[in-house]
Each structure stands twice: as structure tokens, then as C-alpha cells.
Amino acid sequence: MVLPAWLHEIDTKLELAINGAHAPLLDFIFFWTSYKWTWIPFYAWLLYILYRNY
């Protein structure tokens, strides 16, 4: 999916503002939140909740 140019620019500026200082803690958090296997338990839980409720 291609983002509109203005949205991509806002996203880039926001990310650089948050992690522009290269703080070790934020580097760690950004690494793990962008890693695809980190989210599998969350998606499994979400599917379980949706299945249980509907």
C-alpha cells in the first residue's frame, strides 16, 4: 500500500522526533515492535476474543 506523500512525511517526522536521539531504550522498543514475530501472540489473542464474542 502506498501512503500519500503528506502522510508519509508526517510519519517520518514523527518517528524521527520520537527516536531521533537514538536512546537505547527506544531503540530496543522500536526493534521489538517492528519485528513481525512479536505480534503473533497478540493476533492469536485477538482472534480468540473475536471468535468467543461472535
C-alpha atoms as a PDB file:
ATOM      1  CA  MET A   1       0.000   0.000   0.000  1.00  0.00           C
ATOM      2  CA  VAL A   2       1.358   3.378  -0.970  1.00  0.00           C
ATOM      3  CA  LEU A   3       0.849   6.202   1.500  1.00  0.00           C
ATOM      4  CA  PRO A   4       0.026   9.710   0.325  1.00  0.00           C
ATOM      5  CA  ALA A   5       3.109  11.932   0.331  1.00  0.00           C
ATOM      6  CA  TRP A   6       1.851  14.162   3.148  1.00  0.00           C
ATOM      7  CA  LEU A   7       1.100  11.189   5.392  1.00  0.00           C
ATOM      8  CA  HIS A   8       4.496   9.640   4.693  1.00  0.00           C
ATOM      9  CA  GLU A   9       6.162  12.955   5.571  1.00  0.00           C
ATOM     10  CA  ILE A  10       4.251  13.224   8.869  1.00  0.00           C
ATOM     11  CA  ASP A  11       5.092   9.618   9.708  1.00  0.00           C
ATOM     12  CA  THR A  12       8.785  10.170   9.019  1.00  0.00           C
ATOM     13  CA  LYS A  13       8.932  13.371  11.056  1.00  0.00           C
ATOM     14  CA  LEU A  14       7.078  11.776  13.955  1.00  0.00           C
ATOM     15  CA  GLU A  15       9.355   8.736  14.010  1.00  0.00           C
ATOM     16  CA  LEU A  16      12.485  10.891  13.879  1.00  0.00           C
ATOM     17  CA  ALA A  17      11.130  13.116  16.651  1.00  0.00           C
ATOM     18  CA  ILE A  18      10.495  10.107  18.879  1.00  0.00           C
ATOM     19  CA  ASN A  19      13.667   8.173  18.148  1.00  0.00           C
ATOM     20  CA  GLY A  20      15.954  10.884  16.779  1.00  0.00           C
ATOM     21  CA  ALA A  21      18.038  10.939  19.958  1.00  0.00           C
ATOM     22  CA  HIS A  22      18.992   7.267  19.497  1.00  0.00           C
ATOM     23  CA  ALA A  23      18.080   6.457  23.063  1.00  0.00           C
ATOM     24  CA  PRO A  24      18.992   2.824  23.821  1.00  0.00           C
ATOM     25  CA  LEU A  25      15.611   2.070  25.396  1.00  0.00           C
ATOM     26  CA  LEU A  26      13.667   3.448  22.438  1.00  0.00           C
ATOM     27  CA  ASP A  27      15.938   1.597  20.006  1.00  0.00           C
ATOM     28  CA  PHE A  28      15.092  -1.616  21.847  1.00  0.00           C
ATOM     29  CA  ILE A  29      11.344  -0.860  21.854  1.00  0.00           C
ATOM     30  CA  PHE A  30      11.280   0.091  18.154  1.00  0.00           C
ATOM     31  CA  PHE A  31      13.229  -3.042  17.236  1.00  0.00           C
ATOM     32  CA  TRP A  32      10.850  -5.398  19.035  1.00  0.00           C
ATOM     33  CA  THR A  33       7.654  -3.676  17.935  1.00  0.00           C
ATOM     34  CA  SER A  34       8.739  -3.798  14.293  1.00  0.00           C
ATOM     35  CA  TYR A  35       9.742  -7.465  14.454  1.00  0.00           C
ATOM     36  CA  LYS A  36       6.951  -9.496  12.822  1.00  0.00           C
ATOM     37  CA  TRP A  37       7.046 -12.487  15.202  1.00  0.00           C
ATOM     38  CA  THR A  38       6.469 -10.238  18.232  1.00  0.00           C
ATOM     39  CA  TRP A  39       2.837  -9.683  17.242  1.00  0.00           C
ATOM     40  CA  ILE A  40       1.743 -13.313  16.756  1.00  0.00           C
ATOM     41  CA  PRO A  41       0.570 -13.801  20.380  1.00  0.00           C
ATOM     42  CA  PHE A  42      -1.417 -10.568  20.147  1.00  0.00           C
ATOM     43  CA  TYR A  43      -3.106 -11.653  16.901  1.00  0.00           C
ATOM     44  CA  ALA A  44      -3.854 -15.095  18.339  1.00  0.00           C
ATOM     45  CA  TRP A  45      -5.423 -13.485  21.408  1.00  0.00           C
ATOM     46  CA  LEU A  46      -7.405 -11.083  19.214  1.00  0.00           C
ATOM     47  CA  LEU A  47      -8.741 -13.916  17.047  1.00  0.00           C
ATOM     48  CA  TYR A  48      -9.711 -15.846  20.182  1.00  0.00           C
ATOM     49  CA  ILE A  49     -11.615 -12.841  21.590  1.00  0.00           C
ATOM     50  CA  LEU A  50     -13.392 -12.284  18.268  1.00  0.00           C
ATOM     51  CA  TYR A  51     -14.292 -15.971  17.994  1.00  0.00           C
ATOM     52  CA  ARG A  52     -15.556 -16.093  21.575  1.00  0.00           C
ATOM     53  CA  ASN A  53     -17.695 -12.968  21.240  1.00  0.00           C
ATOM     54  CA  TYR A  54     -19.100 -13.613  17.754  1.00  0.00           C
END
